[in-house]
Amino acid sequence: TGGRTNYADSVKGRFTISRDNAKNTMNLQMNSLKPEDTAVYYCNT
């Protein structure tokens, strides 16, 4: 809630998570994508 972020080792340095509390949205910027990133992505608490 305070904005501190944490990442799985496999995505560190490539993915960036962000949130906009006022708009009630959250984003995941994914760069340098690899075949092993193939998956269904979900958000939740």
ModelCIF file with pLDDT and N, C-alpha, C, O atoms, coordinates in Angstrom:
data_MODEL
#
_entry.id   MODEL 
#
_entity.id                         1 
_entity.type                       polymer 
_entity.pdbx_number_of_molecules   1 
#
_entity_poly.entity_id                      1 
_entity_poly.type                           'polypeptide(L)' 
_entity_poly.nstd_linkage                   no 
_entity_poly.nstd_monomer                   no 
_entity_poly.pdbx_seq_one_letter_code       TGGRTNYADSVKGRFTISRDNAKNTMNLQMNSLKPEDTAVYYCNT 
_entity_poly.pdbx_seq_one_letter_code_can   TGGRTNYADSVKGRFTISRDNAKNTMNLQMNSLKPEDTAVYYCNT 
_entity_poly.pdbx_strand_id                 A 
#
loop_
_entity_poly_seq.entity_id 
_entity_poly_seq.num 
_entity_poly_seq.mon_id 
_entity_poly_seq.hetero 
1 1  THR n 
1 2  GLY n 
1 3  GLY n 
1 4  ARG n 
1 5  THR n 
1 6  ASN n 
1 7  TYR n 
1 8  ALA n 
1 9  ASP n 
1 10 SER n 
1 11 VAL n 
1 12 LYS n 
1 13 GLY n 
1 14 ARG n 
1 15 PHE n 
1 16 THR n 
1 17 ILE n 
1 18 SER n 
1 19 ARG n 
1 20 ASP n 
1 21 ASN n 
1 22 ALA n 
1 23 LYS n 
1 24 ASN n 
1 25 THR n 
1 26 MET n 
1 27 ASN n 
1 28 LEU n 
1 29 GLN n 
1 30 MET n 
1 31 ASN n 
1 32 SER n 
1 33 LEU n 
1 34 LYS n 
1 35 PRO n 
1 36 GLU n 
1 37 ASP n 
1 38 THR n 
1 39 ALA n 
1 40 VAL n 
1 41 TYR n 
1 42 TYR n 
1 43 CYS n 
1 44 ASN n 
1 45 THR n 
#
_struct_asym.id          A 
_struct_asym.entity_id   1 
#
loop_
_ma_qa_metric.id 
_ma_qa_metric.mode 
_ma_qa_metric.name 
_ma_qa_metric.software_group_id 
_ma_qa_metric.type 
1 global pLDDT . pLDDT 
2 local  pLDDT . pLDDT 
#
_ma_qa_metric_global.metric_id      1 
_ma_qa_metric_global.metric_value   95.44 
_ma_qa_metric_global.model_id       1 
_ma_qa_metric_global.ordinal_id     1 
#
loop_
_ma_qa_metric_local.label_asym_id 
_ma_qa_metric_local.label_comp_id 
_ma_qa_metric_local.label_seq_id 
_ma_qa_metric_local.metric_id 
_ma_qa_metric_local.metric_value 
_ma_qa_metric_local.model_id 
_ma_qa_metric_local.ordinal_id 
A THR 1  2 91.00 1 1  
A GLY 2  2 89.00 1 2  
A GLY 3  2 92.00 1 3  
A ARG 4  2 96.00 1 4  
A THR 5  2 98.00 1 5  
A ASN 6  2 97.00 1 6  
A TYR 7  2 98.00 1 7  
A ALA 8  2 98.00 1 8  
A ASP 9  2 98.00 1 9  
A SER 10 2 97.00 1 10 
A VAL 11 2 98.00 1 11 
A LYS 12 2 98.00 1 12 
A GLY 13 2 98.00 1 13 
A ARG 14 2 98.00 1 14 
A PHE 15 2 98.00 1 15 
A THR 16 2 98.00 1 16 
A ILE 17 2 98.00 1 17 
A SER 18 2 96.00 1 18 
A ARG 19 2 92.00 1 19 
A ASP 20 2 88.00 1 20 
A ASN 21 2 83.00 1 21 
A ALA 22 2 83.00 1 22 
A LYS 23 2 86.00 1 23 
A ASN 24 2 86.00 1 24 
A THR 25 2 91.00 1 25 
A MET 26 2 95.00 1 26 
A ASN 27 2 97.00 1 27 
A LEU 28 2 98.00 1 28 
A GLN 29 2 98.00 1 29 
A MET 30 2 98.00 1 30 
A ASN 31 2 98.00 1 31 
A SER 32 2 98.00 1 32 
A LEU 33 2 98.00 1 33 
A LYS 34 2 98.00 1 34 
A PRO 35 2 97.00 1 35 
A GLU 36 2 97.00 1 36 
A ASP 37 2 98.00 1 37 
A THR 38 2 98.00 1 38 
A ALA 39 2 98.00 1 39 
A VAL 40 2 98.00 1 40 
A TYR 41 2 98.00 1 41 
A TYR 42 2 98.00 1 42 
A CYS 43 2 97.00 1 43 
A ASN 44 2 97.00 1 44 
A THR 45 2 96.00 1 45 
#
loop_
_atom_site.group_PDB 
_atom_site.id 
_atom_site.type_symbol 
_atom_site.label_atom_id 
_atom_site.label_alt_id 
_atom_site.label_comp_id 
_atom_site.label_asym_id 
_atom_site.label_entity_id 
_atom_site.label_seq_id 
_atom_site.pdbx_PDB_ins_code 
_atom_site.Cartn_x 
_atom_site.Cartn_y 
_atom_site.Cartn_z 
_atom_site.occupancy 
_atom_site.B_iso_or_equiv 
_atom_site.pdbx_formal_charge 
_atom_site.auth_seq_id 
_atom_site.auth_comp_id 
_atom_site.auth_asym_id 
_atom_site.auth_atom_id 
_atom_site.pdbx_PDB_model_num 
ATOM 1   N N  . THR A 1 1  ? 0.824  -1.208  0.000   1.00 91.00 ? 1  THR A N  1 
ATOM 2   C CA . THR A 1 1  ? 0.000  0.000   0.000   1.00 91.00 ? 1  THR A CA 1 
ATOM 3   C C  . THR A 1 1  ? 0.860  1.261   0.000   1.00 91.00 ? 1  THR A C  1 
ATOM 4   O O  . THR A 1 1  ? 0.457  2.300   -0.522  1.00 91.00 ? 1  THR A O  1 
ATOM 5   N N  . GLY A 1 2  ? 2.034  1.155   0.584   1.00 89.00 ? 2  GLY A N  1 
ATOM 6   C CA . GLY A 1 2  ? 2.927  2.309   0.602   1.00 89.00 ? 2  GLY A CA 1 
ATOM 7   C C  . GLY A 1 2  ? 3.769  2.457   -0.640  1.00 89.00 ? 2  GLY A C  1 
ATOM 8   O O  . GLY A 1 2  ? 4.502  3.434   -0.790  1.00 89.00 ? 2  GLY A O  1 
ATOM 9   N N  . GLY A 1 3  ? 3.665  1.476   -1.544  1.00 92.00 ? 3  GLY A N  1 
ATOM 10  C CA . GLY A 1 3  ? 4.377  1.575   -2.806  1.00 92.00 ? 3  GLY A CA 1 
ATOM 11  C C  . GLY A 1 3  ? 5.612  0.713   -2.921  1.00 92.00 ? 3  GLY A C  1 
ATOM 12  O O  . GLY A 1 3  ? 6.201  0.635   -3.999  1.00 92.00 ? 3  GLY A O  1 
ATOM 13  N N  . ARG A 1 4  ? 6.031  0.052   -1.832  1.00 96.00 ? 4  ARG A N  1 
ATOM 14  C CA . ARG A 1 4  ? 7.205  -0.816  -1.910  1.00 96.00 ? 4  ARG A CA 1 
ATOM 15  C C  . ARG A 1 4  ? 6.907  -1.983  -2.837  1.00 96.00 ? 4  ARG A C  1 
ATOM 16  O O  . ARG A 1 4  ? 5.828  -2.574  -2.777  1.00 96.00 ? 4  ARG A O  1 
ATOM 17  N N  . THR A 1 5  ? 7.859  -2.310  -3.689  1.00 98.00 ? 5  THR A N  1 
ATOM 18  C CA . THR A 1 5  ? 7.660  -3.360  -4.672  1.00 98.00 ? 5  THR A CA 1 
ATOM 19  C C  . THR A 1 5  ? 8.586  -4.545  -4.418  1.00 98.00 ? 5  THR A C  1 
ATOM 20  O O  . THR A 1 5  ? 9.630  -4.426  -3.777  1.00 98.00 ? 5  THR A O  1 
ATOM 21  N N  . ASN A 1 6  ? 8.167  -5.690  -4.945  1.00 97.00 ? 6  ASN A N  1 
ATOM 22  C CA . ASN A 1 6  ? 8.946  -6.917  -4.817  1.00 97.00 ? 6  ASN A CA 1 
ATOM 23  C C  . ASN A 1 6  ? 8.707  -7.746  -6.065  1.00 97.00 ? 6  ASN A C  1 
ATOM 24  O O  . ASN A 1 6  ? 7.594  -7.787  -6.589  1.00 97.00 ? 6  ASN A O  1 
ATOM 25  N N  . TYR A 1 7  ? 9.757  -8.407  -6.541  1.00 98.00 ? 7  TYR A N  1 
ATOM 26  C CA . TYR A 1 7  ? 9.659  -9.142  -7.799  1.00 98.00 ? 7  TYR A CA 1 
ATOM 27  C C  . TYR A 1 7  ? 10.231 -10.544 -7.661  1.00 98.00 ? 7  TYR A C  1 
ATOM 28  O O  . TYR A 1 7  ? 11.154 -10.788 -6.885  1.00 98.00 ? 7  TYR A O  1 
ATOM 29  N N  . ALA A 1 8  ? 9.657  -11.458 -8.435  1.00 98.00 ? 8  ALA A N  1 
ATOM 30  C CA . ALA A 1 8  ? 10.264 -12.780 -8.560  1.00 98.00 ? 8  ALA A CA 1 
ATOM 31  C C  . ALA A 1 8  ? 11.620 -12.617 -9.227  1.00 98.00 ? 8  ALA A C  1 
ATOM 32  O O  . ALA A 1 8  ? 11.808 -11.741 -10.071 1.00 98.00 ? 8  ALA A O  1 
ATOM 33  N N  . ASP A 1 9  ? 12.560 -13.466 -8.842  1.00 98.00 ? 9  ASP A N  1 
ATOM 34  C CA . ASP A 1 9  ? 13.902 -13.360 -9.416  1.00 98.00 ? 9  ASP A CA 1 
ATOM 35  C C  . ASP A 1 9  ? 13.886 -13.441 -10.933 1.00 98.00 ? 9  ASP A C  1 
ATOM 36  O O  . ASP A 1 9  ? 14.701 -12.806 -11.602 1.00 98.00 ? 9  ASP A O  1 
ATOM 37  N N  . SER A 1 10 ? 12.966 -14.216 -11.471 1.00 97.00 ? 10 SER A N  1 
ATOM 38  C CA . SER A 1 10 ? 12.928 -14.448 -12.916 1.00 97.00 ? 10 SER A CA 1 
ATOM 39  C C  . SER A 1 10 ? 12.546 -13.203 -13.709 1.00 97.00 ? 10 SER A C  1 
ATOM 40  O O  . SER A 1 10 ? 12.777 -13.156 -14.917 1.00 97.00 ? 10 SER A O  1 
ATOM 41  N N  . VAL A 1 11 ? 11.962 -12.188 -13.055 1.00 98.00 ? 11 VAL A N  1 
ATOM 42  C CA . VAL A 1 11 ? 11.511 -10.996 -13.788 1.00 98.00 ? 11 VAL A CA 1 
ATOM 43  C C  . VAL A 1 11 ? 12.190 -9.716  -13.315 1.00 98.00 ? 11 VAL A C  1 
ATOM 44  O O  . VAL A 1 11 ? 11.942 -8.644  -13.867 1.00 98.00 ? 11 VAL A O  1 
ATOM 45  N N  . LYS A 1 12 ? 13.033 -9.817  -12.308 1.00 98.00 ? 12 LYS A N  1 
ATOM 46  C CA . LYS A 1 12 ? 13.709 -8.621  -11.784 1.00 98.00 ? 12 LYS A CA 1 
ATOM 47  C C  . LYS A 1 12 ? 14.492 -7.915  -12.876 1.00 98.00 ? 12 LYS A C  1 
ATOM 48  O O  . LYS A 1 12 ? 15.224 -8.537  -13.645 1.00 98.00 ? 12 LYS A O  1 
ATOM 49  N N  . GLY A 1 13 ? 14.322 -6.604  -12.925 1.00 98.00 ? 13 GLY A N  1 
ATOM 50  C CA . GLY A 1 13 ? 15.023 -5.809  -13.919 1.00 98.00 ? 13 GLY A CA 1 
ATOM 51  C C  . GLY A 1 13 ? 14.307 -5.731  -15.257 1.00 98.00 ? 13 GLY A C  1 
ATOM 52  O O  . GLY A 1 13 ? 14.696 -4.950  -16.125 1.00 98.00 ? 13 GLY A O  1 
ATOM 53  N N  . ARG A 1 14 ? 13.266 -6.532  -15.433 1.00 98.00 ? 14 ARG A N  1 
ATOM 54  C CA . ARG A 1 14 ? 12.520 -6.534  -16.704 1.00 98.00 ? 14 ARG A CA 1 
ATOM 55  C C  . ARG A 1 14 ? 11.079 -6.062  -16.531 1.00 98.00 ? 14 ARG A C  1 
ATOM 56  O O  . ARG A 1 14 ? 10.518 -5.429  -17.425 1.00 98.00 ? 14 ARG A O  1 
ATOM 57  N N  . PHE A 1 15 ? 10.483 -6.371  -15.385 1.00 98.00 ? 15 PHE A N  1 
ATOM 58  C CA . PHE A 1 15 ? 9.083  -6.028  -15.132 1.00 98.00 ? 15 PHE A CA 1 
ATOM 59  C C  . PHE A 1 15 ? 9.011  -4.909  -14.091 1.00 98.00 ? 15 PHE A C  1 
ATOM 60  O O  . PHE A 1 15 ? 9.848  -4.812  -13.194 1.00 98.00 ? 15 PHE A O  1 
ATOM 61  N N  . THR A 1 16 ? 7.982  -4.065  -14.240 1.00 98.00 ? 16 THR A N  1 
ATOM 62  C CA . THR A 1 16 ? 7.747  -2.998  -13.275 1.00 98.00 ? 16 THR A CA 1 
ATOM 63  C C  . THR A 1 16 ? 6.264  -2.949  -12.937 1.00 98.00 ? 16 THR A C  1 
ATOM 64  O O  . THR A 1 16 ? 5.414  -2.823  -13.819 1.00 98.00 ? 16 THR A O  1 
ATOM 65  N N  . ILE A 1 17 ? 5.969  -3.050  -11.652 1.00 98.00 ? 17 ILE A N  1 
ATOM 66  C CA . ILE A 1 17 ? 4.590  -2.985  -11.181 1.00 98.00 ? 17 ILE A CA 1 
ATOM 67  C C  . ILE A 1 17 ? 4.306  -1.576  -10.673 1.00 98.00 ? 17 ILE A C  1 
ATOM 68  O O  . ILE A 1 17 ? 5.165  -0.940  -10.062 1.00 98.00 ? 17 ILE A O  1 
ATOM 69  N N  . SER A 1 18 ? 3.088  -1.097  -10.934 1.00 96.00 ? 18 SER A N  1 
ATOM 70  C CA . SER A 1 18 ? 2.694  0.227   -10.448 1.00 96.00 ? 18 SER A CA 1 
ATOM 71  C C  . SER A 1 18 ? 1.201  0.211   -10.149 1.00 96.00 ? 18 SER A C  1 
ATOM 72  O O  . SER A 1 18 ? 0.462  -0.647  -10.633 1.00 96.00 ? 18 SER A O  1 
ATOM 73  N N  . ARG A 1 19 ? 0.776  1.169   -9.348  1.00 92.00 ? 19 ARG A N  1 
ATOM 74  C CA . ARG A 1 19 ? -0.633 1.241   -8.982  1.00 92.00 ? 19 ARG A CA 1 
ATOM 75  C C  . ARG A 1 19 ? -1.077 2.693   -8.984  1.00 92.00 ? 19 ARG A C  1 
ATOM 76  O O  . ARG A 1 19 ? -0.282 3.601   -8.741  1.00 92.00 ? 19 ARG A O  1 
ATOM 77  N N  . ASP A 1 20 ? -2.377 2.902   -9.266  1.00 88.00 ? 20 ASP A N  1 
ATOM 78  C CA . ASP A 1 20 ? -2.973 4.231   -9.191  1.00 88.00 ? 20 ASP A CA 1 
ATOM 79  C C  . ASP A 1 20 ? -4.209 4.082   -8.319  1.00 88.00 ? 20 ASP A C  1 
ATOM 80  O O  . ASP A 1 20 ? -5.273 3.685   -8.795  1.00 88.00 ? 20 ASP A O  1 
ATOM 81  N N  . ASN A 1 21 ? -4.061 4.400   -7.049  1.00 83.00 ? 21 ASN A N  1 
ATOM 82  C CA . ASN A 1 21 ? -5.156 4.189   -6.106  1.00 83.00 ? 21 ASN A CA 1 
ATOM 83  C C  . ASN A 1 21 ? -6.388 5.023   -6.463  1.00 83.00 ? 21 ASN A C  1 
ATOM 84  O O  . ASN A 1 21 ? -7.518 4.573   -6.278  1.00 83.00 ? 21 ASN A O  1 
ATOM 85  N N  . ALA A 1 22 ? -6.175 6.220   -6.968  1.00 83.00 ? 22 ALA A N  1 
ATOM 86  C CA . ALA A 1 22 ? -7.297 7.097   -7.302  1.00 83.00 ? 22 ALA A CA 1 
ATOM 87  C C  . ALA A 1 22 ? -8.122 6.523   -8.457  1.00 83.00 ? 22 ALA A C  1 
ATOM 88  O O  . ALA A 1 22 ? -9.343 6.668   -8.489  1.00 83.00 ? 22 ALA A O  1 
ATOM 89  N N  . LYS A 1 23 ? -7.446 5.875   -9.394  1.00 86.00 ? 23 LYS A N  1 
ATOM 90  C CA . LYS A 1 23 ? -8.144 5.307   -10.547 1.00 86.00 ? 23 LYS A CA 1 
ATOM 91  C C  . LYS A 1 23 ? -8.507 3.843   -10.328 1.00 86.00 ? 23 LYS A C  1 
ATOM 92  O O  . LYS A 1 23 ? -9.154 3.219   -11.169 1.00 86.00 ? 23 LYS A O  1 
ATOM 93  N N  . ASN A 1 24 ? -8.079 3.301   -9.182  1.00 86.00 ? 24 ASN A N  1 
ATOM 94  C CA . ASN A 1 24 ? -8.371 1.898   -8.864  1.00 86.00 ? 24 ASN A CA 1 
ATOM 95  C C  . ASN A 1 24 ? -7.824 0.958   -9.937  1.00 86.00 ? 24 ASN A C  1 
ATOM 96  O O  . ASN A 1 24 ? -8.505 0.026   -10.366 1.00 86.00 ? 24 ASN A O  1 
ATOM 97  N N  . THR A 1 25 ? -6.603 1.211   -10.359 1.00 91.00 ? 25 THR A N  1 
ATOM 98  C CA . THR A 1 25 ? -5.979 0.374   -11.379 1.00 91.00 ? 25 THR A CA 1 
ATOM 99  C C  . THR A 1 25 ? -4.550 0.019   -10.975 1.00 91.00 ? 25 THR A C  1 
ATOM 100 O O  . THR A 1 25 ? -3.940 0.667   -10.126 1.00 91.00 ? 25 THR A O  1 
ATOM 101 N N  . MET A 1 26 ? -4.047 -1.016  -11.604 1.00 95.00 ? 26 MET A N  1 
ATOM 102 C CA . MET A 1 26 ? -2.679 -1.459  -11.385 1.00 95.00 ? 26 MET A CA 1 
ATOM 103 C C  . MET A 1 26 ? -2.132 -1.900  -12.725 1.00 95.00 ? 26 MET A C  1 
ATOM 104 O O  . MET A 1 26 ? -2.869 -2.429  -13.558 1.00 95.00 ? 26 MET A O  1 
ATOM 105 N N  . ASN A 1 27 ? -0.865 -1.691  -12.936 1.00 97.00 ? 27 ASN A N  1 
ATOM 106 C CA . ASN A 1 27 ? -0.243 -2.034  -14.216 1.00 97.00 ? 27 ASN A CA 1 
ATOM 107 C C  . ASN A 1 27 ? 0.998  -2.901  -14.013 1.00 97.00 ? 27 ASN A C  1 
ATOM 108 O O  . ASN A 1 27 ? 1.598  -2.922  -12.939 1.00 97.00 ? 27 ASN A O  1 
ATOM 109 N N  . LEU A 1 28 ? 1.356  -3.602  -15.059 1.00 98.00 ? 28 LEU A N  1 
ATOM 110 C CA . LEU A 1 28 ? 2.599  -4.364  -15.080 1.00 98.00 ? 28 LEU A CA 1 
ATOM 111 C C  . LEU A 1 28 ? 3.278  -4.098  -16.420 1.00 98.00 ? 28 LEU A C  1 
ATOM 112 O O  . LEU A 1 28 ? 2.824  -4.575  -17.460 1.00 98.00 ? 28 LEU A O  1 
ATOM 113 N N  . GLN A 1 29 ? 4.344  -3.350  -16.387 1.00 98.00 ? 29 GLN A N  1 
ATOM 114 C CA . GLN A 1 29 ? 5.131  -3.103  -17.592 1.00 98.00 ? 29 GLN A CA 1 
ATOM 115 C C  . GLN A 1 29 ? 6.140  -4.223  -17.738 1.00 98.00 ? 29 GLN A C  1 
ATOM 116 O O  . GLN A 1 29 ? 6.958  -4.453  -16.847 1.00 98.00 ? 29 GLN A O  1 
ATOM 117 N N  . MET A 1 30 ? 6.082  -4.913  -18.853 1.00 98.00 ? 30 MET A N  1 
ATOM 118 C CA . MET A 1 30 ? 6.953  -6.069  -19.088 1.00 98.00 ? 30 MET A CA 1 
ATOM 119 C C  . MET A 1 30 ? 7.851  -5.791  -20.280 1.00 98.00 ? 30 MET A C  1 
ATOM 120 O O  . MET A 1 30 ? 7.368  -5.625  -21.400 1.00 98.00 ? 30 MET A O  1 
ATOM 121 N N  . ASN A 1 31 ? 9.122  -5.742  -20.051 1.00 98.00 ? 31 ASN A N  1 
ATOM 122 C CA . ASN A 1 31 ? 10.105 -5.501  -21.099 1.00 98.00 ? 31 ASN A CA 1 
ATOM 123 C C  . ASN A 1 31 ? 11.006 -6.723  -21.260 1.00 98.00 ? 31 ASN A C  1 
ATOM 124 O O  . ASN A 1 31 ? 11.052 -7.600  -20.396 1.00 98.00 ? 31 ASN A O  1 
ATOM 125 N N  . SER A 1 32 ? 11.711 -6.761  -22.366 1.00 98.00 ? 32 SER A N  1 
ATOM 126 C CA . SER A 1 32 ? 12.658 -7.850  -22.648 1.00 98.00 ? 32 SER A CA 1 
ATOM 127 C C  . SER A 1 32 ? 12.014 -9.205  -22.411 1.00 98.00 ? 32 SER A C  1 
ATOM 128 O O  . SER A 1 32 ? 12.572 -10.068 -21.732 1.00 98.00 ? 32 SER A O  1 
ATOM 129 N N  . LEU A 1 33 ? 10.853 -9.373  -22.970 1.00 98.00 ? 33 LEU A N  1 
ATOM 130 C CA . LEU A 1 33 ? 10.088 -10.593 -22.737 1.00 98.00 ? 33 LEU A CA 1 
ATOM 131 C C  . LEU A 1 33 ? 10.789 -11.816 -23.309 1.00 98.00 ? 33 LEU A C  1 
ATOM 132 O O  . LEU A 1 33 ? 11.459 -11.757 -24.341 1.00 98.00 ? 33 LEU A O  1 
ATOM 133 N N  . LYS A 1 34 ? 10.610 -12.929 -22.600 1.00 98.00 ? 34 LYS A N  1 
ATOM 134 C CA . LYS A 1 34 ? 11.228 -14.200 -22.990 1.00 98.00 ? 34 LYS A CA 1 
ATOM 135 C C  . LYS A 1 34 ? 10.134 -15.247 -23.199 1.00 98.00 ? 34 LYS A C  1 
ATOM 136 O O  . LYS A 1 34 ? 9.035  -15.111 -22.663 1.00 98.00 ? 34 LYS A O  1 
ATOM 137 N N  . PRO A 1 35 ? 10.431 -16.281 -23.970 1.00 97.00 ? 35 PRO A N  1 
ATOM 138 C CA . PRO A 1 35 ? 9.415  -17.334 -24.166 1.00 97.00 ? 35 PRO A CA 1 
ATOM 139 C C  . PRO A 1 35 ? 8.903  -17.913 -22.846 1.00 97.00 ? 35 PRO A C  1 
ATOM 140 O O  . PRO A 1 35 ? 7.737  -18.298 -22.748 1.00 97.00 ? 35 PRO A O  1 
ATOM 141 N N  . GLU A 1 36 ? 9.758  -17.976 -21.845 1.00 97.00 ? 36 GLU A N  1 
ATOM 142 C CA . GLU A 1 36 ? 9.343  -18.534 -20.562 1.00 97.00 ? 36 GLU A CA 1 
ATOM 143 C C  . GLU A 1 36 ? 8.408  -17.606 -19.783 1.00 97.00 ? 36 GLU A C  1 
ATOM 144 O O  . GLU A 1 36 ? 7.901  -17.989 -18.729 1.00 97.00 ? 36 GLU A O  1 
ATOM 145 N N  . ASP A 1 37 ? 8.175  -16.407 -20.280 1.00 98.00 ? 37 ASP A N  1 
ATOM 146 C CA . ASP A 1 37 ? 7.175  -15.514 -19.676 1.00 98.00 ? 37 ASP A CA 1 
ATOM 147 C C  . ASP A 1 37 ? 5.769  -15.836 -20.168 1.00 98.00 ? 37 ASP A C  1 
ATOM 148 O O  . ASP A 1 37 ? 4.797  -15.267 -19.671 1.00 98.00 ? 37 ASP A O  1 
ATOM 149 N N  . THR A 1 38 ? 5.650  -16.730 -21.127 1.00 98.00 ? 38 THR A N  1 
ATOM 150 C CA . THR A 1 38 ? 4.347  -17.124 -21.649 1.00 98.00 ? 38 THR A CA 1 
ATOM 151 C C  . THR A 1 38 ? 3.497  -17.725 -20.543 1.00 98.00 ? 38 THR A C  1 
ATOM 152 O O  . THR A 1 38 ? 3.900  -18.688 -19.891 1.00 98.00 ? 38 THR A O  1 
ATOM 153 N N  . ALA A 1 39 ? 2.317  -17.152 -20.337 1.00 98.00 ? 39 ALA A N  1 
ATOM 154 C CA . ALA A 1 39 ? 1.439  -17.572 -19.248 1.00 98.00 ? 39 ALA A CA 1 
ATOM 155 C C  . ALA A 1 39 ? 0.158  -16.752 -19.304 1.00 98.00 ? 39 ALA A C  1 
ATOM 156 O O  . ALA A 1 39 ? 0.044  -15.789 -20.063 1.00 98.00 ? 39 ALA A O  1 
ATOM 157 N N  . VAL A 1 40 ? -0.797 -17.156 -18.485 1.00 98.00 ? 40 VAL A N  1 
ATOM 158 C CA . VAL A 1 40 ? -1.960 -16.307 -18.219 1.00 98.00 ? 40 VAL A CA 1 
ATOM 159 C C  . VAL A 1 40 ? -1.641 -15.492 -16.969 1.00 98.00 ? 40 VAL A C  1 
ATOM 160 O O  . VAL A 1 40 ? -1.255 -16.044 -15.939 1.00 98.00 ? 40 VAL A O  1 
ATOM 161 N N  . TYR A 1 41 ? -1.804 -14.187 -17.070 1.00 98.00 ? 41 TYR A N  1 
ATOM 162 C CA . TYR A 1 41 ? -1.465 -13.269 -15.993 1.00 98.00 ? 41 TYR A CA 1 
ATOM 163 C C  . TYR A 1 41 ? -2.733 -12.797 -15.283 1.00 98.00 ? 41 TYR A C  1 
ATOM 164 O O  . TYR A 1 41 ? -3.730 -12.446 -15.914 1.00 98.00 ? 41 TYR A O  1 
ATOM 165 N N  . TYR A 1 42 ? -2.664 -12.801 -13.956 1.00 98.00 ? 42 TYR A N  1 
ATOM 166 C CA . TYR A 1 42 ? -3.795 -12.431 -13.116 1.00 98.00 ? 42 TYR A CA 1 
ATOM 167 C C  . TYR A 1 42 ? -3.365 -11.365 -12.107 1.00 98.00 ? 42 TYR A C  1 
ATOM 168 O O  . TYR A 1 42 ? -2.192 -11.276 -11.745 1.00 98.00 ? 42 TYR A O  1 
ATOM 169 N N  . CYS A 1 43 ? -4.323 -10.567 -11.665 1.00 97.00 ? 43 CYS A N  1 
ATOM 170 C CA . CYS A 1 43 ? -4.054 -9.659  -10.553 1.00 97.00 ? 43 CYS A CA 1 
ATOM 171 C C  . CYS A 1 43 ? -4.966 -10.055 -9.385  1.00 97.00 ? 43 CYS A C  1 
ATOM 172 O O  . CYS A 1 43 ? -6.045 -10.619 -9.572  1.00 97.00 ? 43 CYS A O  1 
ATOM 173 N N  . ASN A 1 44 ? -4.501 -9.744  -8.200  1.00 97.00 ? 44 ASN A N  1 
ATOM 174 C CA . ASN A 1 44 ? -5.279 -10.025 -6.994  1.00 97.00 ? 44 ASN A CA 1 
ATOM 175 C C  . ASN A 1 44 ? -4.565 -9.357  -5.833  1.00 97.00 ? 44 ASN A C  1 
ATOM 176 O O  . ASN A 1 44 ? -3.508 -8.750  -6.009  1.00 97.00 ? 44 ASN A O  1 
ATOM 177 N N  . THR A 1 45 ? -5.138 -9.469  -4.663  1.00 96.00 ? 45 THR A N  1 
ATOM 178 C CA . THR A 1 45 ? -4.474 -8.954  -3.488  1.00 96.00 ? 45 THR A CA 1 
ATOM 179 C C  . THR A 1 45 ? -3.309 -9.874  -3.124  1.00 96.00 ? 45 THR A C  1 
ATOM 180 O O  . THR A 1 45 ? -2.604 -9.620  -2.148  1.00 96.00 ? 45 THR A O  1 
#
